[in-house]
C-alpha atoms as a PDB file:
ATOM      1  CA  MET A   1      15.936 -22.341  -7.278  1.00  0.00           C
ATOM      2  CA  ASN A   2      15.979 -23.016  -3.532  1.00  0.00           C
ATOM      3  CA  ASP A   3      19.772 -22.867  -3.532  1.00  0.00           C
ATOM      4  CA  PHE A   4      19.660 -19.445  -5.163  1.00  0.00           C
ATOM      5  CA  ILE A   5      17.116 -18.139  -2.670  1.00  0.00           C
ATOM      6  CA  TYR A   6      19.137 -19.577   0.220  1.00  0.00           C
ATOM      7  CA  TYR A   7      22.292 -17.928  -1.185  1.00  0.00           C
ATOM      8  CA  SER A   8      20.417 -14.613  -1.641  1.00  0.00           C
ATOM      9  CA  VAL A   9      19.139 -14.646   1.944  1.00  0.00           C
ATOM     10  CA  GLN A  10      22.634 -15.386   3.268  1.00  0.00           C
ATOM     11  CA  THR A  11      24.096 -12.580   1.137  1.00  0.00           C
ATOM     12  CA  ILE A  12      21.481 -10.097   2.361  1.00  0.00           C
ATOM     13  CA  CYS A  13      22.097 -11.070   6.004  1.00  0.00           C
ATOM     14  CA  ILE A  14      25.856 -10.659   5.608  1.00  0.00           C
ATOM     15  CA  GLN A  15      25.353  -7.282   3.906  1.00  0.00           C
ATOM     16  CA  LEU A  16      23.088  -6.233   6.770  1.00  0.00           C
ATOM     17  CA  VAL A  17      25.813  -7.091   9.295  1.00  0.00           C
ATOM     18  CA  PHE A  18      28.386  -5.140   7.270  1.00  0.00           C
ATOM     19  CA  LEU A  19      25.977  -2.183   7.021  1.00  0.00           C
ATOM     20  CA  ILE A  20      25.397  -2.138  10.782  1.00  0.00           C
ATOM     21  CA  VAL A  21      29.166  -2.189  11.384  1.00  0.00           C
ATOM     22  CA  TYR A  22      29.548   0.637   8.851  1.00  0.00           C
ATOM     23  CA  GLN A  23      26.861   2.745  10.507  1.00  0.00           C
ATOM     24  CA  PHE A  24      28.402   2.383  13.971  1.00  0.00           C
ATOM     25  CA  LEU A  25      32.087   2.696  13.039  1.00  0.00           C
ATOM     26  CA  PHE A  26      32.566   4.464   9.720  1.00  0.00           C
ATOM     27  CA  ALA A  27      29.498   6.537   8.820  1.00  0.00           C
ATOM     28  CA  LYS A  28      30.810   9.759  10.363  1.00  0.00           C
ATOM     29  CA  GLU A  29      34.380   9.363   9.132  1.00  0.00           C
ATOM     30  CA  THR A  30      35.622  11.826   6.546  1.00  0.00           C
ATOM     31  CA  PHE A  31      38.119   9.460   4.937  1.00  0.00           C
ATOM     32  CA  PHE A  32      35.984   8.795   1.874  1.00  0.00           C
ATOM     33  CA  ASN A  33      38.553   6.540   0.191  1.00  0.00           C
ATOM     34  CA  TRP A  34      38.571   4.204   3.207  1.00  0.00           C
ATOM     35  CA  ASN A  35      34.786   4.277   3.368  1.00  0.00           C
ATOM     36  CA  ARG A  36      34.558   3.356  -0.314  1.00  0.00           C
ATOM     37  CA  PHE A  37      37.117   0.595   0.180  1.00  0.00           C
ATOM     38  CA  TYR A  38      35.102  -0.794   3.104  1.00  0.00           C
ATOM     39  CA  LEU A  39      31.788  -0.613   1.234  1.00  0.00           C
ATOM     40  CA  LEU A  40      33.141  -2.224  -1.942  1.00  0.00           C
ATOM     41  CA  GLY A  41      35.078  -4.841   0.029  1.00  0.00           C
ATOM     42  CA  SER A  42      32.075  -5.705   2.179  1.00  0.00           C
ATOM     43  CA  PHE A  43      29.927  -6.066  -0.948  1.00  0.00           C
ATOM     44  CA  ILE A  44      32.415  -8.466  -2.534  1.00  0.00           C
ATOM     45  CA  LEU A  45      32.818 -10.406   0.722  1.00  0.00           C
ATOM     46  CA  SER A  46      29.054 -10.716   1.103  1.00  0.00           C
ATOM     47  CA  LEU A  47      28.935 -12.371  -2.320  1.00  0.00           C
ATOM     48  CA  VAL A  48      31.841 -14.729  -1.608  1.00  0.00           C
ATOM     49  CA  LEU A  49      31.256 -15.739   2.034  1.00  0.00           C
ATOM     50  CA  PRO A  50      28.053 -17.756   1.476  1.00  0.00           C
ATOM     51  CA  VAL A  51      29.875 -19.914  -1.082  1.00  0.00           C
ATOM     52  CA  LEU A  52      32.749 -20.789   1.247  1.00  0.00           C
ATOM     53  CA  TYR A  53      32.472 -23.854   3.441  1.00  0.00           C
ATOM     54  CA  VAL A  54      34.598 -23.893   6.564  1.00  0.00           C
ATOM     55  CA  PRO A  55      34.031 -26.824   8.930  1.00  0.00           C
ATOM     56  CA  LEU A  56      34.246 -25.394  12.431  1.00  0.00           C
ATOM     57  CA  VAL A  57      33.808 -28.590  14.400  1.00  0.00           C
ATOM     58  CA  GLU A  58      34.587 -32.068  13.192  1.00  0.00           C
ATOM     59  CA  ASN A  59      31.981 -34.417  14.507  1.00  0.00           C
ATOM     60  CA  TYR A  60      32.978 -38.062  14.146  1.00  0.00           C
ATOM     61  CA  ASN A  61      29.767 -39.414  15.634  1.00  0.00           C
ATOM     62  CA  GLN A  62      27.273 -38.168  13.143  1.00  0.00           C
ATOM     63  CA  VAL A  63      23.696 -39.319  13.186  1.00  0.00           C
ATOM     64  CA  VAL A  64      21.723 -39.481   9.985  1.00  0.00           C
ATOM     65  CA  GLN A  65      18.003 -39.357  10.364  1.00  0.00           C
ATOM     66  CA  LEU A  66      16.065 -40.652   7.413  1.00  0.00           C
ATOM     67  CA  LYS A  67      12.576 -39.607   6.539  1.00  0.00           C
ATOM     68  CA  GLU A  68       9.897 -42.021   7.533  1.00  0.00           C
ATOM     69  CA  ILE A  69       8.724 -44.610   5.060  1.00  0.00           C
ATOM     70  CA  ILE A  70       5.015 -45.183   4.764  1.00  0.00           C
ATOM     71  CA  VAL A  71       3.779 -48.397   3.245  1.00  0.00           C
ATOM     72  CA  THR A  72       0.244 -48.073   1.977  1.00  0.00           C
ATOM     73  CA  ASN A  73      -1.989 -48.694  -0.984  1.00  0.00           C
ATOM     74  CA  ASN A  74      -2.648 -44.940  -1.297  1.00  0.00           C
ATOM     75  CA  LEU A  75       0.915 -44.114  -2.294  1.00  0.00           C
ATOM     76  CA  ASN A  76      -0.071 -42.060  -5.332  1.00  0.00           C
ATOM     77  CA  LYS A  77      -2.403 -39.829  -3.291  1.00  0.00           C
ATOM     78  CA  GLN A  78       0.264 -39.199  -0.654  1.00  0.00           C
ATOM     79  CA  LEU A  79       2.925 -38.457  -3.276  1.00  0.00           C
ATOM     80  CA  ASP A  80       0.561 -36.075  -5.017  1.00  0.00           C
ATOM     81  CA  SER A  81      -0.191 -34.191  -1.793  1.00  0.00           C
ATOM     82  CA  PHE A  82       3.503 -34.092  -0.881  1.00  0.00           C
ATOM     83  CA  SER A  83       4.526 -32.841  -4.335  1.00  0.00           C
ATOM     84  CA  LYS A  84       1.756 -30.223  -4.289  1.00  0.00           C
ATOM     85  CA  ILE A  85       2.952 -28.893  -0.926  1.00  0.00           C
ATOM     86  CA  PHE A  86       6.571 -28.911  -2.091  1.00  0.00           C
ATOM     87  CA  LEU A  87       5.721 -27.086  -5.339  1.00  0.00           C
ATOM     88  CA  LEU A  88       3.520 -24.618  -3.490  1.00  0.00           C
ATOM     89  CA  GLU A  89       6.368 -23.715  -1.117  1.00  0.00           C
ATOM     90  CA  ASN A  90       8.784 -23.263  -4.032  1.00  0.00           C
ATOM     91  CA  TYR A  91       6.355 -21.142  -6.025  1.00  0.00           C
ATOM     92  CA  LEU A  92       5.511 -19.072  -2.987  1.00  0.00           C
ATOM     93  CA  LEU A  93       9.182 -18.241  -2.349  1.00  0.00           C
ATOM     94  CA  GLU A  94       9.742 -17.445  -6.013  1.00  0.00           C
ATOM     95  CA  PHE A  95       6.588 -15.299  -6.064  1.00  0.00           C
ATOM     96  CA  ILE A  96       7.700 -13.304  -2.994  1.00  0.00           C
ATOM     97  CA  TYR A  97      11.168 -12.860  -4.508  1.00  0.00           C
ATOM     98  CA  ALA A  98       9.676 -11.689  -7.831  1.00  0.00           C
ATOM     99  CA  ILE A  99       7.355  -9.216  -6.074  1.00  0.00           C
ATOM    100  CA  GLY A 100      10.309  -7.756  -4.171  1.00  0.00           C
ATOM    101  CA  LEU A 101      12.286  -7.487  -7.377  1.00  0.00           C
ATOM    102  CA  VAL A 102       9.430  -5.713  -9.167  1.00  0.00           C
ATOM    103  CA  ILE A 103       8.866  -3.297  -6.270  1.00  0.00           C
ATOM    104  CA  PHE A 104      12.529  -2.313  -6.021  1.00  0.00           C
ATOM    105  CA  ALA A 105      12.861  -1.993  -9.809  1.00  0.00           C
ATOM    106  CA  PHE A 106       9.796   0.274  -9.810  1.00  0.00           C
ATOM    107  CA  LEU A 107      11.202   2.431  -7.003  1.00  0.00           C
ATOM    108  CA  PHE A 108      14.555   2.659  -8.788  1.00  0.00           C
ATOM    109  CA  LEU A 109      12.918   3.755 -12.049  1.00  0.00           C
ATOM    110  CA  LEU A 110      10.723   6.217 -10.148  1.00  0.00           C
ATOM    111  CA  LYS A 111      13.777   7.864  -8.562  1.00  0.00           C
ATOM    112  CA  ILE A 112      15.613   7.975 -11.885  1.00  0.00           C
ATOM    113  CA  SER A 113      12.575   9.600 -13.527  1.00  0.00           C
ATOM    114  CA  LYS A 114      12.428  12.211 -10.735  1.00  0.00           C
ATOM    115  CA  LEU A 115      16.103  12.945 -11.307  1.00  0.00           C
ATOM    116  CA  VAL A 116      15.562  13.320 -15.075  1.00  0.00           C
ATOM    117  CA  LYS A 117      12.598  15.628 -14.412  1.00  0.00           C
ATOM    118  CA  LEU A 118      14.716  17.681 -11.985  1.00  0.00           C
ATOM    119  CA  LYS A 119      17.534  17.873 -14.534  1.00  0.00           C
ATOM    120  CA  LYS A 120      15.139  19.222 -17.176  1.00  0.00           C
ATOM    121  CA  SER A 121      13.783  21.866 -14.787  1.00  0.00           C
ATOM    122  CA  THR A 122      17.184  23.259 -13.762  1.00  0.00           C
ATOM    123  CA  LYS A 123      19.137  26.118 -15.213  1.00  0.00           C
ATOM    124  CA  ILE A 124      22.606  25.170 -16.474  1.00  0.00           C
ATOM    125  CA  VAL A 125      25.428  27.489 -15.416  1.00  0.00           C
ATOM    126  CA  ILE A 126      29.072  27.124 -16.327  1.00  0.00           C
ATOM    127  CA  TYR A 127      31.176  28.126 -13.342  1.00  0.00           C
ATOM    128  CA  LYS A 128      34.983  27.871 -13.555  1.00  0.00           C
ATOM    129  CA  GLY A 129      34.668  25.493 -16.506  1.00  0.00           C
ATOM    130  CA  VAL A 130      32.182  23.166 -14.811  1.00  0.00           C
ATOM    131  CA  ARG A 131      28.558  22.616 -15.865  1.00  0.00           C
ATOM    132  CA  ILE A 132      26.285  23.042 -12.865  1.00  0.00           C
ATOM    133  CA  HIS A 133      22.552  22.431 -12.742  1.00  0.00           C
ATOM    134  CA  VAL A 134      21.108  25.157 -10.519  1.00  0.00           C
ATOM    135  CA  ILE A 135      17.926  24.162  -8.682  1.00  0.00           C
ATOM    136  CA  ALA A 136      15.477  27.036  -8.243  1.00  0.00           C
ATOM    137  CA  ASN A 137      14.264  27.858  -4.709  1.00  0.00           C
ATOM    138  CA  SER A 138      16.344  25.150  -3.065  1.00  0.00           C
ATOM    139  CA  ASN A 139      19.354  24.789  -0.824  1.00  0.00           C
ATOM    140  CA  GLN A 140      20.091  21.184  -1.807  1.00  0.00           C
ATOM    141  CA  ALA A 141      23.429  20.166  -3.242  1.00  0.00           C
ATOM    142  CA  PHE A 142      24.352  16.766  -4.630  1.00  0.00           C
ATOM    143  CA  SER A 143      26.085  15.060  -7.494  1.00  0.00           C
ATOM    144  CA  PHE A 144      24.908  12.081  -9.488  1.00  0.00           C
ATOM    145  CA  LEU A 145      27.282  10.452 -11.949  1.00  0.00           C
ATOM    146  CA  ASN A 146      28.823  13.427 -13.804  1.00  0.00           C
ATOM    147  CA  PHE A 147      26.040  15.885 -12.981  1.00  0.00           C
ATOM    148  CA  ILE A 148      26.322  18.470 -10.217  1.00  0.00           C
ATOM    149  CA  PHE A 149      23.128  19.933  -8.748  1.00  0.00           C
ATOM    150  CA  ILE A 150      23.323  22.965  -6.458  1.00  0.00           C
ATOM    151  CA  GLY A 151      20.393  24.960  -5.100  1.00  0.00           C
ATOM    152  CA  GLU A 152      20.386  28.675  -5.738  1.00  0.00           C
ATOM    153  CA  LYS A 153      19.792  29.438  -2.024  1.00  0.00           C
ATOM    154  CA  ASN A 154      23.139  27.939  -0.904  1.00  0.00           C
ATOM    155  CA  LYS A 155      25.327  30.547   0.747  1.00  0.00           C
ATOM    156  CA  ASP A 156      28.832  29.085   0.404  1.00  0.00           C
ATOM    157  CA  PHE A 157      28.717  28.195  -3.281  1.00  0.00           C
ATOM    158  CA  ASP A 158      32.486  27.750  -3.799  1.00  0.00           C
ATOM    159  CA  THR A 159      32.904  25.313  -0.895  1.00  0.00           C
ATOM    160  CA  ILE A 160      29.911  23.245  -1.961  1.00  0.00           C
ATOM    161  CA  LEU A 161      31.158  23.200  -5.549  1.00  0.00           C
ATOM    162  CA  GLN A 162      34.600  21.986  -4.447  1.00  0.00           C
ATOM    163  CA  HIS A 163      32.978  19.238  -2.387  1.00  0.00           C
ATOM    164  CA  GLU A 164      30.743  18.099  -5.258  1.00  0.00           C
ATOM    165  CA  LEU A 165      33.683  18.189  -7.681  1.00  0.00           C
ATOM    166  CA  ILE A 166      35.420  15.635  -5.463  1.00  0.00           C
ATOM    167  CA  HIS A 167      32.394  13.368  -5.826  1.00  0.00           C
ATOM    168  CA  LYS A 168      32.271  13.955  -9.574  1.00  0.00           C
ATOM    169  CA  SER A 169      35.927  12.986  -9.999  1.00  0.00           C
ATOM    170  CA  LYS A 170      35.342   9.803  -7.926  1.00  0.00           C
ATOM    171  CA  ASN A 171      32.412   8.796 -10.169  1.00  0.00           C
ATOM    172  CA  ILE A 172      34.695   8.555 -13.181  1.00  0.00           C
ATOM    173  CA  LEU A 173      36.346   5.480 -11.659  1.00  0.00           C
END
C-alpha cells in the first residue's frame, strides 16, 4: 500500500506542476482544442511519469548503510514495538487517504445533486431545435454533458447559445 500512496503523491505533485503551468500560460487562451490537448496530455503524463525510472547520474561509489543490529534478550518486545509503529504509520496514511476520498466523493455527489435539483427547477425551451434549460432570475450560462443551462436575464441569448453549443458538441467526444 505504501507504493500506491507514494505513486499517488507523486502523481498529484506532477499534476499540480502541470496545473500551475496551465494557469500561467494557457488559462486565458481561446484555442480550446489546444487547451484540451494540454489538459488531457498532462493528465496522462502525470500518470506515466512516476512509473518511469531515468537514472540522471551514475554513481559508481555507492554506499549502502544497513540498519543497526541490536543483540538483546528482549528481542520480542523490540520487534513488537517496531511492528506496532510500522503498522500505525501505514494505517494512519491509509486512514488519511480514505478520509480524503470520502470527503471528495461527498462533495462530488453534493454538486451532482445540486445540478439535478437545478435541472428539475428549470423551464425547458426548444430554441432552433435545441433543448435549453432556462434558469429563472439568473444570468448564469453553462453546459454540463448534453444539457445547456441559460439564465433568463442574459441579454445576448444567441451568442451565449452558440458558445454553449460548442461545448455541447465537444462533450460528445
